[in-house]
C-alpha cells in the first residue's frame, strides 16, 4: 500500500477549510518552493488561487501532498514514477486518502474526548 510510515510523524491536519502555502509547508514538512514545483508536475494539485495569486489548499490537497511526499522521499520514486503511480492507481490513491482521513478524524476525536474529560 502507499501508506508511508513517516506520515504518522507529521502533525495532525487542523479542521480548517483552507490552508496557506506556509501552513501546508509546516503540515507536510516540505518547503513552499517545492510545493509550487509539485503543482507544475502533478495535475492532481490545484490549489485555489485568490487575490494576488495567493494559494489556498484544501484538506484533500494536503493529503495528496503527503502522499506525493511519501512516494518521493520515503519510497524513492522519481517525479515521473510518482506521477505514474498516482495516475495509474486511482483506486489505491483514493483508498490511501480515505485511510489517512479516517486516521486524522480519529486523532481529532481523541483530542475532543481529552478536552471533554478535562472539563
C-alpha atoms as a PDB file:
ATOM      1  CA  UNK A   1       0.000   0.000   0.000  1.00  0.00           C
ATOM      2  CA  UNK A   2       1.115   3.580  -0.461  1.00  0.00           C
ATOM      3  CA  UNK A   3       0.756   4.365   3.242  1.00  0.00           C
ATOM      4  CA  UNK A   4       4.145   5.605   4.467  1.00  0.00           C
ATOM      5  CA  UNK A   5       5.417   5.256   7.982  1.00  0.00           C
ATOM      6  CA  UNK A   6       6.711   8.851   8.073  1.00  0.00           C
ATOM      7  CA  UNK A   7       3.256  10.375   7.564  1.00  0.00           C
ATOM      8  CA  UNK A   8       2.424   9.146  11.076  1.00  0.00           C
ATOM      9  CA  UNK A   9       5.053  11.590  12.372  1.00  0.00           C
ATOM     10  CA  UNK A  10       3.581  14.589  10.553  1.00  0.00           C
ATOM     11  CA  UNK A  11       1.338  16.921  12.564  1.00  0.00           C
ATOM     12  CA  UNK A  12      -2.420  16.431  12.549  1.00  0.00           C
ATOM     13  CA  UNK A  13      -4.326  18.426   9.948  1.00  0.00           C
ATOM     14  CA  UNK A  14      -6.460  21.085  11.665  1.00  0.00           C
ATOM     15  CA  UNK A  15     -10.174  21.206  10.967  1.00  0.00           C
ATOM     16  CA  UNK A  16      -9.969  24.206   8.643  1.00  0.00           C
ATOM     17  CA  UNK A  17     -11.354  24.561   5.158  1.00  0.00           C
ATOM     18  CA  UNK A  18      -8.374  26.345   3.552  1.00  0.00           C
ATOM     19  CA  UNK A  19      -4.655  26.393   4.322  1.00  0.00           C
ATOM     20  CA  UNK A  20      -1.984  28.835   3.191  1.00  0.00           C
ATOM     21  CA  UNK A  21       1.176  27.602   1.500  1.00  0.00           C
ATOM     22  CA  UNK A  22       3.105  28.264   4.718  1.00  0.00           C
ATOM     23  CA  UNK A  23       0.693  26.163   6.761  1.00  0.00           C
ATOM     24  CA  UNK A  24       0.830  23.324   4.233  1.00  0.00           C
ATOM     25  CA  UNK A  25       4.605  23.560   4.239  1.00  0.00           C
ATOM     26  CA  UNK A  26       4.620  23.013   8.008  1.00  0.00           C
ATOM     27  CA  UNK A  27       1.941  20.286   7.914  1.00  0.00           C
ATOM     28  CA  UNK A  28       3.732  18.278   5.221  1.00  0.00           C
ATOM     29  CA  UNK A  29       7.359  19.088   6.115  1.00  0.00           C
ATOM     30  CA  UNK A  30       8.026  20.385   2.594  1.00  0.00           C
ATOM     31  CA  UNK A  31       9.368  23.837   1.644  1.00  0.00           C
ATOM     32  CA  UNK A  32       6.988  26.239  -0.161  1.00  0.00           C
ATOM     33  CA  UNK A  33       9.096  26.352  -3.339  1.00  0.00           C
ATOM     34  CA  UNK A  34       8.837  22.551  -3.544  1.00  0.00           C
ATOM     35  CA  UNK A  35       5.042  22.781  -3.263  1.00  0.00           C
ATOM     36  CA  UNK A  36       4.945  25.300  -6.119  1.00  0.00           C
ATOM     37  CA  UNK A  37       7.131  22.988  -8.219  1.00  0.00           C
ATOM     38  CA  UNK A  38       4.927  19.977  -7.461  1.00  0.00           C
ATOM     39  CA  UNK A  39       1.890  21.956  -8.659  1.00  0.00           C
ATOM     40  CA  UNK A  40       3.524  22.057 -12.103  1.00  0.00           C
ATOM     41  CA  UNK A  41       4.464  18.365 -12.059  1.00  0.00           C
ATOM     42  CA  UNK A  42       1.324  16.779 -10.597  1.00  0.00           C
ATOM     43  CA  UNK A  43      -2.020  17.656 -12.226  1.00  0.00           C
ATOM     44  CA  UNK A  44      -3.833  16.449  -9.077  1.00  0.00           C
ATOM     45  CA  UNK A  45      -2.558  19.517  -7.189  1.00  0.00           C
ATOM     46  CA  UNK A  46      -4.690  22.521  -7.977  1.00  0.00           C
ATOM     47  CA  UNK A  47      -4.920  24.899  -5.034  1.00  0.00           C
ATOM     48  CA  UNK A  48      -7.483  27.677  -5.171  1.00  0.00           C
ATOM     49  CA  UNK A  49      -5.860  30.962  -6.177  1.00  0.00           C
ATOM     50  CA  UNK A  50      -7.312  34.169  -4.853  1.00  0.00           C
ATOM     51  CA  UNK A  51      -6.447  37.843  -4.972  1.00  0.00           C
ATOM     52  CA  UNK A  52      -2.767  38.491  -5.546  1.00  0.00           C
ATOM     53  CA  UNK A  53      -2.281  34.911  -6.807  1.00  0.00           C
ATOM     54  CA  UNK A  54      -2.275  33.588  -3.234  1.00  0.00           C
ATOM     55  CA  UNK A  55      -2.645  29.840  -2.955  1.00  0.00           C
ATOM     56  CA  UNK A  56      -5.182  28.237  -0.653  1.00  0.00           C
ATOM     57  CA  UNK A  57      -5.034  24.483  -0.263  1.00  0.00           C
ATOM     58  CA  UNK A  58      -7.928  22.288   0.858  1.00  0.00           C
ATOM     59  CA  UNK A  59      -7.747  19.156   3.024  1.00  0.00           C
ATOM     60  CA  UNK A  60      -7.633  16.814   0.010  1.00  0.00           C
ATOM     61  CA  UNK A  61      -4.694  18.832  -1.359  1.00  0.00           C
ATOM     62  CA  UNK A  62      -2.817  18.385   1.920  1.00  0.00           C
ATOM     63  CA  UNK A  63      -3.480  14.634   1.836  1.00  0.00           C
ATOM     64  CA  UNK A  64      -2.295  14.473  -1.782  1.00  0.00           C
ATOM     65  CA  UNK A  65       0.878  16.388  -0.910  1.00  0.00           C
ATOM     66  CA  UNK A  66       1.572  13.979   1.934  1.00  0.00           C
ATOM     67  CA  UNK A  67       1.104  11.076  -0.460  1.00  0.00           C
ATOM     68  CA  UNK A  68       3.424  12.660  -3.051  1.00  0.00           C
ATOM     69  CA  UNK A  69       5.963  13.336  -0.316  1.00  0.00           C
ATOM     70  CA  UNK A  70       5.801   9.717   0.742  1.00  0.00           C
ATOM     71  CA  UNK A  71       6.301   8.456  -2.805  1.00  0.00           C
ATOM     72  CA  UNK A  72       9.276  10.735  -3.422  1.00  0.00           C
ATOM     73  CA  UNK A  73      11.045  10.837  -0.063  1.00  0.00           C
ATOM     74  CA  UNK A  74      10.097   7.599   1.705  1.00  0.00           C
ATOM     75  CA  UNK A  75       9.613   5.173  -1.184  1.00  0.00           C
ATOM     76  CA  UNK A  76      12.283   6.598  -3.504  1.00  0.00           C
ATOM     77  CA  UNK A  77      10.182   7.245  -6.609  1.00  0.00           C
ATOM     78  CA  UNK A  78      11.255   9.807  -9.181  1.00  0.00           C
ATOM     79  CA  UNK A  79       8.863  12.615 -10.119  1.00  0.00           C
ATOM     80  CA  UNK A  80       7.790  10.692 -13.228  1.00  0.00           C
ATOM     81  CA  UNK A  81       7.418   7.455 -11.300  1.00  0.00           C
ATOM     82  CA  UNK A  82       5.367   9.136  -8.592  1.00  0.00           C
ATOM     83  CA  UNK A  83       3.162  10.802 -11.214  1.00  0.00           C
ATOM     84  CA  UNK A  84       2.632   7.431 -12.921  1.00  0.00           C
ATOM     85  CA  UNK A  85       1.928   5.760  -9.574  1.00  0.00           C
ATOM     86  CA  UNK A  86      -0.721   8.368  -8.753  1.00  0.00           C
ATOM     87  CA  UNK A  87      -2.449   8.354 -12.149  1.00  0.00           C
ATOM     88  CA  UNK A  88      -2.172   4.597 -12.655  1.00  0.00           C
ATOM     89  CA  UNK A  89      -3.550   3.703  -9.253  1.00  0.00           C
ATOM     90  CA  UNK A  90      -6.559   5.956  -8.710  1.00  0.00           C
ATOM     91  CA  UNK A  91      -8.396   3.368  -6.601  1.00  0.00           C
ATOM     92  CA  UNK A  92      -5.375   2.795  -4.384  1.00  0.00           C
ATOM     93  CA  UNK A  93      -4.846   6.554  -4.166  1.00  0.00           C
ATOM     94  CA  UNK A  94      -8.419   7.126  -3.035  1.00  0.00           C
ATOM     95  CA  UNK A  95      -8.199   4.285  -0.537  1.00  0.00           C
ATOM     96  CA  UNK A  96      -4.999   5.759   0.895  1.00  0.00           C
ATOM     97  CA  UNK A  97      -6.560   9.210   1.126  1.00  0.00           C
ATOM     98  CA  UNK A  98      -9.611   7.800   2.889  1.00  0.00           C
ATOM     99  CA  UNK A  99      -7.367   5.830   5.227  1.00  0.00           C
ATOM    100  CA  UNK A 100      -5.393   8.983   6.074  1.00  0.00           C
ATOM    101  CA  UNK A 101      -8.609  10.959   6.527  1.00  0.00           C
ATOM    102  CA  UNK A 102     -10.034   8.331   8.895  1.00  0.00           C
ATOM    103  CA  UNK A 103      -6.809   8.281  10.910  1.00  0.00           C
ATOM    104  CA  UNK A 104      -6.923  12.086  11.069  1.00  0.00           C
ATOM    105  CA  UNK A 105     -10.543  12.036  12.246  1.00  0.00           C
ATOM    106  CA  UNK A 106      -9.695   9.500  14.963  1.00  0.00           C
ATOM    107  CA  UNK A 107      -6.886  11.748  16.225  1.00  0.00           C
ATOM    108  CA  UNK A 108      -9.199  14.768  16.245  1.00  0.00           C
ATOM    109  CA  UNK A 109     -11.964  12.858  18.052  1.00  0.00           C
ATOM    110  CA  UNK A 110      -9.469  11.649  20.667  1.00  0.00           C
ATOM    111  CA  UNK A 111      -8.413  15.272  21.219  1.00  0.00           C
ATOM    112  CA  UNK A 112     -12.058  16.290  21.680  1.00  0.00           C
ATOM    113  CA  UNK A 113     -12.543  13.404  24.098  1.00  0.00           C
ATOM    114  CA  UNK A 114      -9.497  14.529  26.118  1.00  0.00           C
ATOM    115  CA  UNK A 115     -10.882  18.082  26.295  1.00  0.00           C
ATOM    116  CA  UNK A 116     -14.275  16.781  27.411  1.00  0.00           C
ATOM    117  CA  UNK A 117     -12.687  14.585  30.079  1.00  0.00           C
ATOM    118  CA  UNK A 118     -10.634  17.521  31.385  1.00  0.00           C
ATOM    119  CA  UNK A 119     -13.680  19.762  31.857  1.00  0.00           C
END
